N, C-alpha and C. Protein backbone atom coordinates (compact mmCIF):
# COMPACT_ATOMS: atom_id res chain seq x y z
N UNK A 1 -40.41 7.70 -29.16
CA UNK A 1 -40.35 7.44 -27.73
C UNK A 1 -39.90 8.73 -27.04
N UNK A 2 -40.63 9.09 -26.01
CA UNK A 2 -40.30 10.32 -25.29
C UNK A 2 -39.11 10.07 -24.35
N UNK A 3 -38.57 11.14 -23.88
CA UNK A 3 -37.44 11.06 -22.94
C UNK A 3 -37.84 10.31 -21.67
N UNK A 4 -39.05 10.57 -21.18
CA UNK A 4 -39.53 9.89 -19.97
C UNK A 4 -39.65 8.39 -20.20
N UNK A 5 -40.12 8.02 -21.38
CA UNK A 5 -40.26 6.60 -21.72
C UNK A 5 -38.88 5.94 -21.82
N UNK A 6 -37.95 6.64 -22.42
CA UNK A 6 -36.58 6.10 -22.51
C UNK A 6 -35.97 5.90 -21.13
N UNK A 7 -36.16 6.89 -20.28
CA UNK A 7 -35.62 6.80 -18.92
C UNK A 7 -36.27 5.64 -18.16
N UNK A 8 -37.58 5.47 -18.32
CA UNK A 8 -38.28 4.38 -17.65
C UNK A 8 -37.76 3.03 -18.15
N UNK A 9 -37.50 2.92 -19.46
CA UNK A 9 -36.96 1.67 -20.01
C UNK A 9 -35.56 1.41 -19.49
N UNK A 10 -34.73 2.44 -19.45
CA UNK A 10 -33.36 2.28 -18.95
C UNK A 10 -33.37 1.85 -17.48
N UNK A 11 -34.24 2.46 -16.69
CA UNK A 11 -34.34 2.09 -15.28
C UNK A 11 -34.82 0.65 -15.13
N UNK A 12 -35.73 0.23 -16.00
CA UNK A 12 -36.22 -1.15 -15.95
C UNK A 12 -35.11 -2.12 -16.35
N UNK A 13 -34.31 -1.75 -17.32
CA UNK A 13 -33.24 -2.63 -17.81
C UNK A 13 -32.02 -2.65 -16.87
N UNK A 14 -31.63 -1.50 -16.38
CA UNK A 14 -30.37 -1.38 -15.64
C UNK A 14 -30.51 -0.99 -14.18
N UNK A 15 -31.65 -0.57 -13.76
CA UNK A 15 -31.83 -0.07 -12.41
C UNK A 15 -31.67 1.44 -12.39
N UNK A 16 -31.94 2.02 -11.25
CA UNK A 16 -31.84 3.47 -11.13
C UNK A 16 -30.37 3.89 -11.14
N UNK A 17 -30.12 5.07 -11.65
CA UNK A 17 -28.75 5.58 -11.73
C UNK A 17 -28.16 5.73 -10.33
N UNK A 18 -28.96 6.15 -9.38
CA UNK A 18 -28.44 6.31 -8.02
C UNK A 18 -28.03 4.96 -7.42
N UNK A 19 -28.78 3.91 -7.73
CA UNK A 19 -28.42 2.57 -7.24
C UNK A 19 -27.12 2.09 -7.88
N UNK A 20 -26.97 2.36 -9.18
CA UNK A 20 -25.74 1.97 -9.88
C UNK A 20 -24.54 2.73 -9.32
N UNK A 21 -24.74 4.01 -9.05
CA UNK A 21 -23.66 4.82 -8.49
C UNK A 21 -23.26 4.33 -7.11
N UNK A 22 -24.24 4.02 -6.28
CA UNK A 22 -23.94 3.50 -4.94
C UNK A 22 -23.18 2.19 -5.02
N UNK A 23 -23.58 1.31 -5.92
CA UNK A 23 -22.89 0.03 -6.08
C UNK A 23 -21.46 0.25 -6.54
N UNK A 24 -21.27 1.17 -7.47
CA UNK A 24 -19.92 1.47 -7.96
C UNK A 24 -19.06 2.04 -6.84
N UNK A 25 -19.59 2.97 -6.10
CA UNK A 25 -18.83 3.58 -5.00
C UNK A 25 -18.48 2.54 -3.95
N UNK A 26 -19.39 1.62 -3.70
CA UNK A 26 -19.10 0.55 -2.75
C UNK A 26 -17.95 -0.32 -3.22
N UNK A 27 -17.93 -0.64 -4.51
CA UNK A 27 -16.82 -1.43 -5.08
C UNK A 27 -15.51 -0.66 -4.99
N UNK A 28 -15.56 0.63 -5.30
CA UNK A 28 -14.35 1.45 -5.25
C UNK A 28 -13.80 1.49 -3.83
N UNK A 29 -14.67 1.67 -2.86
CA UNK A 29 -14.21 1.72 -1.46
C UNK A 29 -13.64 0.39 -1.02
N UNK A 30 -14.27 -0.70 -1.42
CA UNK A 30 -13.77 -2.04 -1.08
C UNK A 30 -12.40 -2.27 -1.70
N UNK A 31 -12.28 -1.95 -2.99
CA UNK A 31 -11.00 -2.13 -3.69
C UNK A 31 -9.91 -1.27 -3.07
N UNK A 32 -10.24 -0.05 -2.71
CA UNK A 32 -9.26 0.83 -2.09
C UNK A 32 -8.84 0.30 -0.72
N UNK A 33 -9.79 -0.20 0.04
CA UNK A 33 -9.47 -0.80 1.34
C UNK A 33 -8.53 -1.99 1.19
N UNK A 34 -8.79 -2.82 0.18
CA UNK A 34 -7.91 -3.97 -0.08
C UNK A 34 -6.51 -3.50 -0.47
N UNK A 35 -6.44 -2.48 -1.34
CA UNK A 35 -5.15 -1.95 -1.76
C UNK A 35 -4.40 -1.37 -0.57
N UNK A 36 -5.10 -0.64 0.27
CA UNK A 36 -4.47 -0.02 1.43
C UNK A 36 -3.91 -1.06 2.39
N UNK A 37 -4.65 -2.13 2.62
CA UNK A 37 -4.16 -3.21 3.48
C UNK A 37 -2.92 -3.85 2.88
N UNK A 38 -2.93 -4.08 1.58
CA UNK A 38 -1.77 -4.65 0.89
C UNK A 38 -0.57 -3.71 0.97
N UNK A 39 -0.82 -2.44 0.77
CA UNK A 39 0.25 -1.43 0.83
C UNK A 39 0.84 -1.37 2.24
N UNK A 40 -0.01 -1.38 3.26
CA UNK A 40 0.48 -1.34 4.64
C UNK A 40 1.35 -2.56 4.95
N UNK A 41 0.93 -3.73 4.48
CA UNK A 41 1.72 -4.94 4.70
C UNK A 41 3.07 -4.85 4.00
N UNK A 42 3.08 -4.33 2.78
CA UNK A 42 4.34 -4.18 2.04
C UNK A 42 5.26 -3.18 2.73
N UNK A 43 4.70 -2.10 3.25
CA UNK A 43 5.52 -1.10 3.95
C UNK A 43 6.09 -1.67 5.24
N UNK A 44 5.32 -2.48 5.95
CA UNK A 44 5.81 -3.11 7.17
C UNK A 44 6.97 -4.05 6.84
N UNK A 45 6.81 -4.83 5.78
CA UNK A 45 7.86 -5.75 5.36
C UNK A 45 9.11 -4.97 4.96
N UNK A 46 8.93 -3.88 4.27
CA UNK A 46 10.06 -3.03 3.86
C UNK A 46 10.78 -2.46 5.09
N UNK A 47 10.01 -1.96 6.03
CA UNK A 47 10.60 -1.39 7.25
C UNK A 47 11.40 -2.44 8.02
N UNK A 48 10.88 -3.65 8.10
CA UNK A 48 11.60 -4.72 8.80
C UNK A 48 12.90 -5.06 8.08
N UNK A 49 12.86 -5.10 6.74
CA UNK A 49 14.06 -5.39 5.95
C UNK A 49 15.10 -4.28 6.15
N UNK A 50 14.66 -3.04 6.17
CA UNK A 50 15.58 -1.91 6.37
C UNK A 50 16.19 -1.94 7.77
N UNK A 51 15.42 -2.34 8.77
CA UNK A 51 15.94 -2.44 10.13
C UNK A 51 17.04 -3.50 10.19
N UNK A 52 16.81 -4.65 9.56
CA UNK A 52 17.83 -5.70 9.54
C UNK A 52 19.08 -5.23 8.80
N UNK A 53 18.89 -4.52 7.70
CA UNK A 53 20.03 -3.99 6.96
C UNK A 53 20.81 -2.99 7.79
N UNK A 54 20.11 -2.11 8.48
CA UNK A 54 20.78 -1.14 9.35
C UNK A 54 21.60 -1.84 10.43
N UNK A 55 21.02 -2.88 11.04
CA UNK A 55 21.74 -3.62 12.07
C UNK A 55 23.00 -4.27 11.49
N UNK A 56 22.89 -4.80 10.29
CA UNK A 56 24.04 -5.44 9.65
C UNK A 56 25.13 -4.41 9.35
N UNK A 57 24.74 -3.26 8.85
CA UNK A 57 25.71 -2.20 8.55
C UNK A 57 26.41 -1.75 9.82
N UNK A 58 25.66 -1.55 10.90
CA UNK A 58 26.26 -1.14 12.18
C UNK A 58 27.27 -2.19 12.63
N UNK A 59 26.91 -3.47 12.51
CA UNK A 59 27.84 -4.54 12.90
C UNK A 59 29.10 -4.52 12.06
N UNK A 60 28.96 -4.33 10.76
CA UNK A 60 30.12 -4.30 9.89
C UNK A 60 31.02 -3.10 10.19
N UNK A 61 30.43 -1.95 10.36
CA UNK A 61 31.21 -0.74 10.65
C UNK A 61 31.90 -0.89 12.00
N UNK A 62 31.21 -1.45 12.98
CA UNK A 62 31.83 -1.67 14.29
C UNK A 62 33.00 -2.63 14.18
N UNK A 63 32.83 -3.68 13.38
CA UNK A 63 33.91 -4.64 13.19
C UNK A 63 35.13 -4.02 12.53
N UNK A 64 34.89 -3.21 11.51
CA UNK A 64 36.00 -2.53 10.84
C UNK A 64 36.67 -1.56 11.81
N UNK A 65 35.89 -0.83 12.57
CA UNK A 65 36.43 0.12 13.54
C UNK A 65 37.29 -0.62 14.57
N UNK A 66 36.81 -1.74 15.06
CA UNK A 66 37.57 -2.52 16.05
C UNK A 66 38.86 -3.04 15.42
N UNK A 67 38.81 -3.51 14.20
CA UNK A 67 40.00 -3.99 13.49
C UNK A 67 41.03 -2.86 13.35
N UNK A 68 40.56 -1.70 12.93
CA UNK A 68 41.47 -0.55 12.76
C UNK A 68 42.08 -0.14 14.10
N UNK A 69 41.30 -0.19 15.15
CA UNK A 69 41.80 0.19 16.48
C UNK A 69 42.90 -0.77 16.93
N UNK A 70 42.72 -2.05 16.69
CA UNK A 70 43.71 -3.03 17.11
C UNK A 70 44.99 -2.96 16.28
N UNK A 71 44.83 -2.66 14.99
CA UNK A 71 45.98 -2.58 14.10
C UNK A 71 46.79 -1.30 14.34
N UNK A 72 46.13 -0.26 14.73
CA UNK A 72 46.77 1.04 14.95
C UNK A 72 46.42 1.56 16.34
N UNK A 73 46.99 0.98 17.40
CA UNK A 73 46.64 1.44 18.75
C UNK A 73 47.09 2.89 18.96
N UNK A 74 46.37 3.60 19.80
CA UNK A 74 46.76 5.00 20.06
C UNK A 74 48.14 5.04 20.73
N UNK A 75 48.91 6.06 20.41
CA UNK A 75 50.27 6.18 20.95
C UNK A 75 50.28 6.67 22.36
């Protein structure tokens, strides 16, 4: 079997290489888009959690500061 015949058989069995490559690239782009959307959602959730934590820390530090001020008033 010649190389041309082999290539013709492969194209008949599997389709053209360019078509296979396009299909693969399309899947890769779709999967990456899905991953990116998931990553963005996770980062947004993380940012919201960090904002709440920051607010809690500020409240605690303010409370401690107020307690210290009341216990040790300036002379």
